[in-house]
Protein backbone atom coordinates (compact mmCIF):
# COMPACT_ATOMS: atom_id res chain seq x y z
CA MET A 1 61.41 14.67 14.88
CA ALA A 2 59.26 12.11 16.76
CA GLU A 3 56.26 10.59 14.99
CA LYS A 4 52.79 11.56 16.13
CA LEU A 5 49.78 9.27 16.57
CA LYS A 6 47.08 10.29 14.11
CA ILE A 7 43.41 9.53 14.77
CA ILE A 8 41.11 10.11 11.81
CA SER A 9 37.35 9.45 11.80
CA LEU A 10 36.03 8.69 8.32
CA GLY A 11 32.52 8.17 9.72
CA GLY A 12 30.52 8.23 12.95
CA LEU A 13 30.98 11.89 13.86
CA ASN A 14 28.11 14.36 13.53
CA GLU A 15 25.94 11.44 12.45
CA ILE A 16 24.61 8.13 13.69
CA GLY A 17 26.14 5.19 11.85
CA LYS A 18 28.88 4.74 9.23
CA ASN A 19 31.47 4.24 12.00
CA LEU A 20 35.09 4.06 10.85
CA THR A 21 38.14 5.27 12.80
CA VAL A 22 41.71 5.22 11.52
CA TYR A 23 44.74 5.02 13.83
CA GLU A 24 48.04 5.85 12.14
CA TYR A 25 51.59 5.93 13.40
CA GLY A 26 54.47 6.22 10.94
CA ASN A 27 54.04 3.52 8.32
CA ASP A 28 51.40 1.57 10.23
CA ILE A 29 47.61 1.93 10.14
CA ILE A 30 44.85 0.03 11.92
CA VAL A 31 41.16 0.53 11.23
CA VAL A 32 38.44 0.25 13.88
CA ASP A 33 35.05 -0.69 12.39
CA LEU A 34 33.79 -0.45 8.82
CA GLY A 35 30.16 0.58 9.17
CA MET A 36 27.39 1.71 6.90
CA GLY A 37 24.64 4.28 7.32
CA PHE A 38 21.06 4.38 6.15
CA PRO A 39 19.94 6.91 3.52
CA ASP A 40 18.03 10.07 4.39
CA THR A 41 14.52 10.47 2.98
CA ASP A 42 15.79 12.78 0.19
CA MET A 43 18.33 10.19 -1.06
CA TYR A 44 15.95 8.75 -3.65
CA GLY A 45 16.75 5.18 -4.66
CA ILE A 46 19.84 4.90 -2.46
CA ASP A 47 20.07 1.61 -0.56
CA VAL A 48 23.09 2.16 1.68
CA VAL A 49 25.53 4.95 2.55
CA ILE A 50 29.15 3.99 3.25
CA PRO A 51 32.22 6.03 4.21
CA ASP A 52 34.56 7.38 1.57
CA VAL A 53 37.67 5.21 2.05
CA SER A 54 39.86 6.95 -0.54
CA TYR A 55 42.43 7.68 2.16
CA LEU A 56 42.65 4.00 3.10
CA ILE A 57 42.91 2.88 -0.53
CA LYS A 58 45.72 5.39 -1.06
CA ASN A 59 47.52 4.00 2.03
CA LYS A 60 46.47 0.34 1.83
CA SER A 61 50.10 -0.86 2.01
CA LYS A 62 50.24 0.58 5.56
CA ILE A 63 47.09 -1.16 6.87
CA ARG A 64 48.03 -3.86 9.37
CA GLY A 65 44.51 -4.89 10.36
CA ILE A 66 40.81 -4.06 10.61
CA PHE A 67 39.41 -4.47 14.13
CA LEU A 68 35.64 -4.77 14.63
CA THR A 69 33.97 -3.92 17.96
CA HIS A 70 30.70 -5.79 17.29
CA GLY A 71 28.33 -7.07 14.62
CA HIS A 72 25.84 -4.23 14.09
CA GLU A 73 25.44 -2.91 10.55
CA ASP A 74 26.70 0.57 11.47
CA HIS A 75 30.01 -1.09 12.41
CA ILE A 76 30.38 -3.91 9.82
CA GLY A 77 27.95 -3.04 6.99
CA ALA A 78 30.50 -1.47 4.61
CA ILE A 79 32.83 -4.49 4.59
CA PRO A 80 31.48 -6.15 1.39
CA TYR A 81 31.74 -2.87 -0.53
CA VAL A 82 35.29 -1.84 0.39
CA ILE A 83 37.23 -4.92 1.53
CA GLN A 84 38.50 -5.75 -1.96
CA ASP A 85 39.99 -2.27 -2.28
CA ILE A 86 41.84 -2.24 1.05
CA ASN A 87 42.32 -6.02 1.50
CA ALA A 88 43.59 -6.25 5.08
CA PRO A 89 43.15 -8.95 7.74
CA ILE A 90 40.05 -8.62 9.95
CA TYR A 91 40.21 -9.30 13.70
CA THR A 92 37.04 -9.66 15.75
CA THR A 93 35.14 -11.86 18.19
CA ARG A 94 33.36 -15.10 17.23
CA MET A 95 29.81 -13.75 17.00
CA THR A 96 30.87 -10.76 14.92
CA ALA A 97 33.02 -12.99 12.72
CA GLY A 98 30.00 -15.25 12.13
CA LEU A 99 27.90 -12.30 10.96
CA VAL A 100 30.75 -10.96 8.80
CA LYS A 101 31.15 -14.39 7.18
CA LEU A 102 27.46 -14.37 6.25
CA LYS A 103 28.01 -11.08 4.42
CA LEU A 104 31.15 -12.32 2.71
CA ASP A 105 29.38 -15.51 1.60
CA GLU A 106 26.54 -13.47 0.13
CA TYR A 107 28.98 -11.37 -1.92
CA ARG A 108 31.24 -14.36 -2.69
CA LEU A 109 34.21 -12.73 -0.99
CA THR A 110 34.95 -15.39 1.64
CA ASP A 111 38.05 -16.72 -0.14
CA ILE A 112 39.76 -13.33 -0.42
CA VAL A 113 39.31 -12.15 3.19
CA ASP A 114 41.67 -13.12 6.02
CA LEU A 115 39.23 -13.33 8.97
CA HIS A 116 40.64 -13.97 12.48
CA THR A 117 38.55 -14.65 15.59
CA CYS A 118 39.69 -13.46 19.01
CA GLU A 119 38.27 -13.79 22.51
CA ALA A 120 37.97 -10.94 25.01
CA GLY A 121 41.35 -10.59 26.69
CA ALA A 122 43.28 -11.43 23.52
CA VAL A 123 46.08 -9.12 22.36
CA VAL A 124 46.96 -8.69 18.67
CA GLN A 125 50.20 -7.08 17.47
CA ALA A 126 49.55 -5.06 14.31
CA GLY A 127 52.68 -3.20 13.27
CA LYS A 128 53.50 -0.68 15.98
CA PHE A 129 50.04 -1.13 17.50
CA LYS A 130 49.13 -3.65 20.19
CA VAL A 131 45.35 -4.13 20.36
CA GLU A 132 43.74 -5.67 23.45
CA PHE A 133 40.12 -6.89 23.30
CA LEU A 134 38.05 -5.72 26.31
CA HIS A 135 34.69 -7.35 27.08
CA VAL A 136 31.74 -4.91 27.19
CA ASN A 137 27.94 -5.23 27.34
CA HIS A 138 25.82 -4.13 24.40
CA SER A 139 22.62 -5.17 22.61
CA ILE A 140 24.47 -7.85 20.68
CA ALA A 141 26.64 -10.69 21.94
CA ASP A 142 30.44 -10.58 21.93
CA ALA A 143 30.85 -6.78 21.83
CA VAL A 144 34.29 -5.45 22.75
CA ALA A 145 36.19 -2.25 23.36
CA PHE A 146 39.84 -1.88 22.40
CA ALA A 147 42.86 -0.80 24.44
CA ILE A 148 45.32 0.25 21.74
CA THR A 149 48.92 0.52 22.91
CA THR A 150 50.89 2.92 20.69
CA PRO A 151 54.42 4.35 20.90
CA VAL A 152 53.00 7.52 22.51
CA GLY A 153 50.58 5.88 24.96
CA VAL A 154 47.43 3.79 25.41
CA VAL A 155 44.20 4.79 23.68
CA ILE A 156 40.87 3.25 24.73
CA HIS A 157 38.20 2.97 22.04
CA THR A 158 34.98 1.89 23.75
CA GLY A 159 32.83 1.07 20.71
CA ASP A 160 29.14 0.80 21.62
CA PHE A 161 28.70 -0.26 25.23
CA LYS A 162 26.69 -0.11 28.42
CA ILE A 163 27.19 -1.46 31.95
CA ASP A 164 24.82 -4.39 32.48
CA THR A 165 25.21 -6.07 35.87
CA THR A 166 22.70 -8.83 34.97
CA PRO A 167 23.39 -9.76 31.33
CA ILE A 168 21.37 -12.59 29.78
CA GLN A 169 24.51 -14.49 28.81
CA GLY A 170 28.18 -13.91 29.48
CA GLU A 171 29.62 -11.62 32.11
CA MET A 172 29.19 -7.97 32.86
CA ILE A 173 31.59 -5.45 31.30
CA ASP A 174 35.20 -5.90 32.44
CA LEU A 175 35.35 -2.77 34.59
CA ALA A 176 38.35 -4.15 36.48
CA ARG A 177 40.47 -4.11 33.33
CA PHE A 178 39.37 -0.55 32.49
CA GLY A 179 40.48 0.40 36.01
CA GLU A 180 43.86 -1.34 35.64
CA LEU A 181 44.50 0.51 32.39
CA GLY A 182 43.53 3.79 34.07
CA LYS A 183 46.04 3.21 36.89
CA LYS A 184 48.83 2.53 34.38
CA GLY A 185 47.90 5.66 32.41
CA VAL A 186 45.56 6.25 29.48
CA LEU A 187 46.60 8.82 26.89
CA ALA A 188 43.18 9.21 25.23
CA LEU A 189 39.63 7.91 25.54
CA LEU A 190 37.27 7.69 22.56
CA ALA A 191 33.82 6.92 23.98
CA ASP A 192 30.32 6.23 22.67
CA SER A 193 28.11 9.35 22.87
CA THR A 194 24.76 7.94 21.71
CA ASN A 195 22.94 8.14 25.08
CA VAL A 196 24.97 10.90 26.72
CA GLU A 197 21.89 13.16 26.91
CA ARG A 198 20.08 10.63 29.13
CA PRO A 199 20.72 10.86 32.89
CA GLY A 200 21.10 7.82 35.12
CA PHE A 201 21.82 4.25 34.02
CA THR A 202 20.56 2.17 31.09
CA ARG A 203 18.23 -0.60 32.29
CA SER A 204 19.48 -4.18 32.15
CA GLU A 205 18.45 -6.42 29.26
CA ALA A 206 17.06 -8.85 31.87
CA SER A 207 14.37 -6.29 32.85
CA VAL A 208 12.59 -6.86 29.53
CA GLY A 209 11.90 -10.49 30.49
CA ALA A 210 9.26 -9.52 33.07
CA SER A 211 7.33 -7.57 30.42
CA PHE A 212 7.34 -10.53 28.07
CA ASP A 213 6.15 -12.81 30.86
CA ALA A 214 3.20 -10.54 31.65
CA LEU A 215 2.18 -10.37 27.96
CA PHE A 216 2.42 -14.14 27.40
CA LYS A 217 0.76 -15.18 30.68
CA GLY A 218 -2.93 -15.93 30.20
CA CYS A 219 -2.95 -14.81 26.53
CA GLU A 220 -5.24 -17.05 24.44
CA GLU A 221 -4.41 -15.39 21.12
CA ARG A 222 -1.52 -15.86 18.71
CA ILE A 223 1.54 -13.80 19.64
CA ILE A 224 3.85 -12.20 17.06
CA VAL A 225 7.03 -10.51 18.35
CA THR A 226 9.34 -8.27 16.34
CA THR A 227 12.74 -7.04 17.48
CA PHE A 228 16.20 -6.31 16.10
CA ALA A 229 17.55 -9.51 14.53
CA SER A 230 21.00 -8.87 16.02
CA ASN A 231 19.72 -8.73 19.61
CA VAL A 232 20.39 -12.37 20.42
CA ASP A 233 19.74 -11.92 24.15
CA ARG A 234 16.28 -10.46 23.44
CA ILE A 235 15.42 -13.33 21.11
CA GLN A 236 16.64 -15.80 23.76
CA GLN A 237 14.22 -14.26 26.28
CA ILE A 238 11.34 -14.46 23.79
CA ILE A 239 12.04 -18.16 23.11
CA ASP A 240 12.39 -18.89 26.84
CA VAL A 241 9.08 -17.27 27.78
CA ALA A 242 7.30 -18.95 24.84
CA ALA A 243 8.60 -22.34 26.01
CA ARG A 244 7.52 -21.57 29.58
CA TYR A 245 3.93 -21.08 28.43
CA GLY A 246 3.89 -24.06 26.05
CA ARG A 247 4.10 -22.14 22.79
CA LYS A 248 5.94 -23.25 19.68
CA VAL A 249 8.17 -20.63 18.07
CA ALA A 250 8.38 -20.03 14.33
CA ILE A 251 10.94 -17.67 12.78
CA THR A 252 10.38 -15.48 9.70
CA GLY A 253 12.60 -12.87 8.09
CA ARG A 254 15.96 -13.57 6.49
CA SER A 255 18.12 -11.51 8.85
CA MET A 256 16.35 -13.07 11.87
CA GLU A 257 16.88 -16.59 10.54
CA ASN A 258 20.56 -15.87 9.84
CA ALA A 259 21.20 -14.31 13.26
CA ILE A 260 19.56 -17.21 15.11
CA ARG A 261 21.43 -19.78 13.04
CA VAL A 262 24.83 -18.14 13.65
CA SER A 263 24.26 -17.51 17.35
CA THR A 264 22.96 -21.06 17.93
CA GLU A 265 25.88 -22.64 16.07
CA LEU A 266 28.37 -20.57 18.10
CA GLY A 267 26.65 -21.27 21.41
CA TYR A 268 25.38 -17.74 22.12
CA MET A 269 21.78 -18.93 22.07
CA LYS A 270 20.35 -22.09 23.63
CA VAL A 271 17.05 -23.23 22.13
CA PRO A 272 15.11 -25.90 24.08
CA ASP A 273 14.46 -29.06 22.06
CA GLY A 274 11.20 -29.06 20.11
CA VAL A 275 10.34 -25.38 20.71
CA VAL A 276 11.31 -23.93 17.33
CA VAL A 277 9.20 -25.26 14.45
CA ASP A 278 8.87 -24.59 10.73
CA LEU A 279 6.63 -21.64 9.88
CA ASN A 280 4.31 -23.89 7.84
CA HIS A 281 3.71 -26.06 10.92
CA ILE A 282 1.96 -23.31 12.93
CA LYS A 283 -1.23 -23.55 10.86
CA SER A 284 -2.02 -26.88 12.51
CA LEU A 285 -1.57 -25.48 16.05
CA PRO A 286 -4.10 -23.71 18.33
CA LYS A 287 -3.66 -19.94 18.50
CA ASN A 288 -2.58 -20.01 22.14
CA LYS A 289 0.26 -22.41 21.29
CA VAL A 290 1.91 -20.18 18.66
CA CYS A 291 4.61 -17.49 18.85
CA ILE A 292 6.08 -15.99 15.69
CA VAL A 293 9.37 -14.10 15.92
CA THR A 294 9.85 -11.76 12.97
CA THR A 295 11.84 -8.90 11.49
CA GLY A 296 10.25 -5.52 10.80
CA SER A 297 10.55 -3.52 14.02
CA GLN A 298 11.47 -0.42 11.99
CA GLY A 299 8.62 -0.67 9.49
CA GLU A 300 10.97 -1.70 6.65
CA THR A 301 9.01 -2.09 3.42
CA MET A 302 10.15 -5.63 2.59
CA SER A 303 10.36 -6.92 6.16
CA ALA A 304 8.27 -9.90 7.26
CA LEU A 305 6.03 -7.88 9.62
CA SER A 306 5.35 -5.27 6.94
CA ARG A 307 4.41 -8.00 4.47
CA MET A 308 2.07 -9.53 7.07
CA ALA A 309 0.45 -6.14 7.66
CA TYR A 310 -0.16 -5.58 3.96
CA SER A 311 -1.23 -9.19 3.26
CA THR A 312 1.72 -10.02 1.00
CA HIS A 313 3.40 -12.56 3.29
CA ARG A 314 3.13 -16.03 1.78
CA GLN A 315 2.64 -17.94 5.03
CA VAL A 316 1.23 -15.60 7.67
CA ASP A 317 -1.97 -13.55 7.57
CA ILE A 318 -2.79 -11.17 10.41
CA MET A 319 -6.00 -12.27 12.14
CA PRO A 320 -8.30 -10.32 14.50
CA GLY A 321 -7.06 -10.73 18.06
CA ASP A 322 -3.39 -11.35 17.19
CA ARG A 323 -1.14 -9.79 19.83
CA ILE A 324 1.74 -7.98 18.08
CA ILE A 325 4.64 -7.09 20.39
CA ILE A 326 7.12 -4.52 19.04
CA SER A 327 10.21 -4.94 21.22
CA ALA A 328 12.36 -2.14 19.80
CA SER A 329 12.64 1.62 19.80
CA ALA A 330 12.22 3.65 16.63
CA ILE A 331 15.47 4.64 14.96
CA PRO A 332 15.18 8.39 14.16
CA GLY A 333 13.69 8.78 10.68
CA ASN A 334 11.73 5.51 10.80
CA GLU A 335 8.77 6.79 12.83
CA SER A 336 6.51 7.31 9.81
CA ASP A 337 7.17 3.83 8.37
CA ILE A 338 6.52 2.19 11.75
CA SER A 339 3.31 4.17 12.21
CA SER A 340 2.03 3.07 8.79
CA VAL A 341 2.62 -0.61 9.60
CA VAL A 342 1.05 -0.26 13.07
CA ASN A 343 -2.06 1.40 11.62
CA GLU A 344 -2.40 -1.42 9.08
CA LEU A 345 -2.12 -4.00 11.88
CA TYR A 346 -4.86 -2.24 13.84
CA ARG A 347 -6.99 -2.15 10.69
CA LYS A 348 -6.80 -5.93 10.56
CA GLY A 349 -8.02 -6.20 14.14
CA ALA A 350 -4.70 -6.96 15.81
CA GLU A 351 -3.63 -5.70 19.25
CA VAL A 352 -0.30 -3.84 19.08
CA VAL A 353 1.89 -3.47 22.17
CA ASN A 354 5.01 -1.31 22.05
CA GLU A 355 7.47 0.40 24.37
CA ARG A 356 5.17 3.41 24.84
CA THR A 357 2.81 1.33 26.93
CA THR A 358 5.05 -1.48 28.24
CA PRO A 359 8.82 -1.57 29.02
CA LEU A 360 9.68 -3.78 26.05
CA HIS A 361 13.02 -2.35 25.03
CA VAL A 362 16.24 -1.24 26.65
CA SER A 363 19.06 0.58 24.95
CA GLY A 364 22.46 -0.94 24.30
CA HIS A 365 24.22 2.37 24.95
CA ALA A 366 25.54 3.88 28.16
CA CYS A 367 23.72 6.75 29.86
CA GLN A 368 25.44 9.54 31.80
CA GLU A 369 26.27 7.65 35.00
CA GLU A 370 27.82 4.75 33.10
CA LEU A 371 29.89 7.14 30.99
CA LYS A 372 31.09 8.83 34.17
CA ILE A 373 32.21 5.44 35.52
CA ILE A 374 34.31 4.77 32.41
CA HIS A 375 35.80 8.28 32.58
CA ALA A 376 36.57 7.83 36.30
CA LEU A 377 38.15 4.41 35.81
CA THR A 378 40.32 5.27 32.80
CA LYS A 379 41.34 8.81 33.86
CA PRO A 380 42.38 9.80 30.32
CA LYS A 381 44.74 12.70 29.65
CA PHE A 382 42.79 13.54 26.49
CA PHE A 383 39.16 12.86 25.59
CA ILE A 384 37.59 12.56 22.11
CA PRO A 385 33.79 11.97 22.05
CA VAL A 386 32.69 9.77 19.12
CA HIS A 387 29.62 8.03 17.73
CA GLY A 388 27.03 10.78 17.77
CA GLU A 389 25.55 13.91 16.29
CA GLN A 390 26.96 17.32 17.18
CA LYS A 391 24.65 17.84 20.16
CA MET A 392 25.73 14.46 21.58
CA LEU A 393 29.44 15.18 21.09
CA LYS A 394 29.05 18.60 22.76
CA THR A 395 27.08 17.12 25.66
CA HIS A 396 29.73 14.44 26.16
CA ALA A 397 32.44 17.11 26.16
CA TYR A 398 30.43 19.00 28.81
CA LEU A 399 30.18 15.81 30.91
CA ALA A 400 33.96 15.35 30.71
CA THR A 401 34.80 18.94 31.64
CA ARG A 402 32.04 20.07 34.02
CA MET A 403 31.22 16.76 35.71
CA MET A 404 34.52 14.86 35.55
CA GLY A 405 36.86 17.83 35.90
CA MET A 406 38.85 17.50 32.69
CA ASP A 407 40.70 20.51 31.32
CA PRO A 408 38.62 21.82 28.36
CA ARG A 409 41.87 22.18 26.40
CA ASN A 410 42.27 18.39 26.59
CA VAL A 411 38.86 17.63 25.04
CA ILE A 412 38.68 17.52 21.25
CA ILE A 413 35.45 17.51 19.26
CA SER A 414 36.46 16.42 15.79
CA ASP A 415 34.65 15.93 12.49
CA ILE A 416 34.80 13.46 9.62
CA GLY A 417 38.09 13.75 7.76
CA LYS A 418 39.90 15.85 10.36
CA VAL A 419 43.29 14.59 11.56
CA ILE A 420 43.90 14.58 15.34
CA GLU A 421 47.60 14.44 16.20
CA LEU A 422 48.65 13.15 19.62
CA THR A 423 51.98 13.07 21.41
CA ARG A 424 52.54 12.09 25.04
CA ASP A 425 51.77 15.66 26.08
CA SER A 426 49.67 17.26 23.35
CA ALA A 427 46.60 16.77 21.19
CA ARG A 428 45.44 18.99 18.35
CA ILE A 429 43.61 18.94 15.04
CA ASN A 430 46.04 19.38 12.18
CA GLY A 431 44.80 19.01 8.61
CA THR A 432 42.19 16.94 6.83
CA VAL A 433 42.00 13.92 4.53
CA THR A 434 39.51 12.97 1.81
CA SER A 435 36.24 11.91 3.41
CA GLY A 436 32.49 11.93 2.92
CA GLN A 437 29.66 9.70 1.75
CA VAL A 438 29.58 7.07 -0.97
CA PHE A 439 26.14 5.98 -2.15
CA VAL A 440 25.24 2.38 -2.94
CA ASP A 441 22.37 1.94 -5.40
CA GLY A 442 21.74 -1.70 -6.32
CA ASN A 443 25.05 -3.10 -7.54
CA GLY A 444 26.50 0.35 -8.14
CA VAL A 445 28.94 1.66 -5.54
CA GLY A 446 29.78 5.34 -5.90
CA ASP A 447 28.28 5.78 -9.37
CA VAL A 448 25.43 7.89 -7.98
CA GLY A 449 26.70 11.29 -6.89
CA SER A 450 25.21 14.57 -5.76
CA VAL A 451 24.23 15.60 -9.31
CA VAL A 452 22.21 12.41 -9.86
CA LEU A 453 20.57 12.78 -6.44
CA ARG A 454 19.69 16.40 -7.25
CA ASP A 455 18.04 15.25 -10.50
CA ARG A 456 16.12 12.50 -8.66
CA LYS A 457 14.93 15.03 -6.10
CA HIS A 458 13.88 17.37 -8.90
CA LEU A 459 11.94 14.60 -10.65
CA ALA A 460 10.29 13.51 -7.39
CA GLU A 461 9.17 17.02 -6.49
CA ASP A 462 8.18 18.53 -9.86
CA GLY A 463 8.03 15.75 -12.45
CA MET A 464 9.28 15.84 -16.02
CA VAL A 465 8.24 17.31 -19.37
CA VAL A 466 9.74 15.80 -22.53
CA VAL A 467 9.56 17.71 -25.84
CA VAL A 468 10.10 15.47 -28.88
CA VAL A 469 10.68 16.98 -32.31
CA ALA A 470 11.93 15.51 -35.59
CA MET A 471 14.09 17.84 -37.70
CA SER A 472 15.55 17.54 -41.18
CA SER A 473 19.29 16.95 -41.33
CA GLU A 474 19.43 18.77 -44.67
CA ASP A 475 17.82 22.13 -43.95
CA GLY A 476 16.94 22.02 -40.22
CA SER A 477 13.22 22.29 -40.83
CA VAL A 478 10.70 20.66 -38.48
CA VAL A 479 9.49 17.38 -39.97
CA SER A 480 7.11 16.42 -37.15
CA GLY A 481 6.19 17.57 -33.67
CA PRO A 482 6.83 19.05 -31.28
CA ASP A 483 5.09 16.41 -29.15
CA ILE A 484 4.77 16.89 -25.39
CA VAL A 485 5.13 13.95 -22.98
CA THR A 486 4.86 14.40 -19.20
CA ARG A 487 5.63 12.14 -16.23
CA GLY A 488 4.77 13.09 -12.67
CA PHE A 489 3.76 16.62 -13.71
CA VAL A 490 0.08 16.73 -14.65
CA TYR A 491 -2.57 14.22 -15.70
CA VAL A 492 -2.58 14.77 -19.46
CA LYS A 493 -6.29 14.08 -20.09
CA GLU A 494 -7.30 16.77 -17.63
CA SER A 495 -4.72 19.25 -18.94
CA GLU A 496 -5.13 19.08 -22.69
CA GLY A 497 -5.34 22.88 -22.85
CA LEU A 498 -2.00 23.24 -21.09
CA MET A 499 -0.43 20.64 -23.41
CA GLU A 500 -1.55 22.65 -26.45
CA GLU A 501 -0.11 25.83 -24.93
CA LEU A 502 3.21 24.09 -24.31
CA ARG A 503 3.24 22.83 -27.88
CA THR A 504 2.69 26.40 -29.11
CA VAL A 505 5.52 27.74 -26.91
CA ALA A 506 7.86 25.03 -28.25
CA GLU A 507 6.86 25.82 -31.86
CA GLU A 508 7.57 29.52 -31.33
CA ALA A 509 11.01 28.70 -29.94
CA LEU A 510 11.75 26.47 -32.95
CA ASP A 511 10.49 29.15 -35.39
CA ARG A 512 12.75 31.72 -33.71
CA CYS A 513 15.75 29.43 -34.13
CA ALA A 514 14.83 28.82 -37.78
CA ALA A 515 14.57 32.58 -38.41
CA HIS A 516 18.11 32.99 -37.04
CA ARG A 517 19.22 29.99 -39.18
CA THR A 518 20.37 28.19 -36.04
CA ARG A 519 21.59 24.66 -36.92
CA ASP A 520 23.26 23.89 -33.58
CA TRP A 521 21.07 21.21 -31.96
CA ALA A 522 22.34 22.14 -28.46
CA ALA A 523 21.34 25.78 -28.96
CA ILE A 524 17.90 24.75 -30.24
CA LYS A 525 17.38 22.48 -27.22
CA ALA A 526 18.42 25.30 -24.88
CA ALA A 527 15.98 27.73 -26.49
CA VAL A 528 13.07 25.26 -26.21
CA LYS A 529 13.96 24.43 -22.61
CA ASP A 530 14.30 28.08 -21.52
CA ASP A 531 11.01 29.14 -23.11
CA LEU A 532 9.06 26.20 -21.68
CA SER A 533 10.61 26.61 -18.25
CA GLY A 534 9.71 30.29 -18.03
CA TYR A 535 6.18 29.69 -19.32
CA LEU A 536 5.48 26.78 -16.96
CA TYR A 537 6.67 28.66 -13.90
CA LYS A 538 4.43 31.67 -14.72
CA LYS A 539 1.48 29.40 -15.45
CA THR A 540 1.79 26.75 -12.72
CA ARG A 541 4.44 28.00 -10.25
CA ARG A 542 6.21 24.64 -10.81
CA SER A 543 9.64 23.86 -12.25
CA PRO A 544 9.57 20.36 -13.77
CA MET A 545 12.65 18.88 -15.40
CA ILE A 546 12.44 19.70 -19.11
CA LEU A 547 14.12 17.37 -21.60
CA PRO A 548 14.05 18.45 -25.28
CA VAL A 549 14.72 15.50 -27.62
CA ILE A 550 15.65 16.21 -31.26
CA MET A 551 15.50 13.34 -33.74
CA GLU A 552 17.52 14.00 -36.88
CA VAL A 553 15.84 12.62 -40.03
């Protein structure tokens, strides 16, 4: 019986971020992207969410390579956390490799990772897979799609892309090669669905330059610009316009400094001599000769812009009249954090300009007309929408069937962990593999699960009541207590009456246990907890976490 090509998404479906796609044929596996996601607001204390790679660890002897489309965190962010467990060579372009190396250096993993750099147009043989790098446009330099030749046909995996006819550096997307592949025959297309709900075309990155020019021209105040650190082309435009108007540029924010250093070293950014200066040097310059480029476009708590807003930045204080330019769109879920920072900037007398009032940001993802072009050029037999929430995947399926004429039976909307099996003539979902989310909290990877998160949520919403009692190990009598300690429940000084009532309820529970000659500490704790829980809910309509503590003396 002939082998089937299996395509398994371990992330990036029905969500934004955490992108990871597995291609498997016989005893060979390749992995496309190893991304991370950001925690939801109810994931208390969680720093990063990464895909569950149990399936890859189980099959690590089959993995012939990890192929990265570009250097955004949702496509490379999980590498430091999982690379030791699956230890396979990584293939990617120079800019992405530079950003990956920064991560590996930080985690002291550089020596154990086999990192290969490839240019667009390169072809890598990985077991039974032949992977061709296709140049695409995106909001970061050196982004690529992949044409993956398999024993059953060619699969195109677009990664994140758009069609930019006037890119800041490099060439526009290699549409000719997409067309050549389409003429030869494409078995399946896996395409980015992020902007599929937007009609028309995504504006060119070059269009943002005119907005910067208008904001810099004639401005006599200090200018502070924040944008995504990975958007090298945007930063290049900021530096160019600052130089045009005689301003010196200072950089602040670790990720911004790293991105500029890597992109400059690799030749993706060209900084005019004498324009970039040390942040400490700006204090000696007139306001109208200063431009600060900073991180913090998403209102991140520890970002440079946030620290400026809340007066905790060591070198920069926001002054009345400062022009703050936010050249980024809000990632869903970050709106509240951004709003808080913006309000604080206004409070300090700054002028804040964002994309609501001025065209200061363009997306890196294809809108409907660009997606149609890729569909028309590649003419896939089967289509699998990826990289998006359910509404995006469904809309992309609608575009393929209603607008591009594909047979609905040849369009597959999958989910994380589901196995798509393809032959030359068929495609279907058949089975599942282990998948899901792994939480990273500090140095701990996977040691915080759903039970711990539930407890954290409980503590955050209702607080905690601790009952401390000392009991005799000889006869089980109460030696001291019970004492009541609360955290995040009520302010004790204003609730002394309630504390006394809780103490009485706990004493009654202990007396009841003593009357029944109960010497099982677990049973005593359960009795105290149940009585206090019932009483507190009747009295306050709240359900704090109750922790009875028995000290044996």
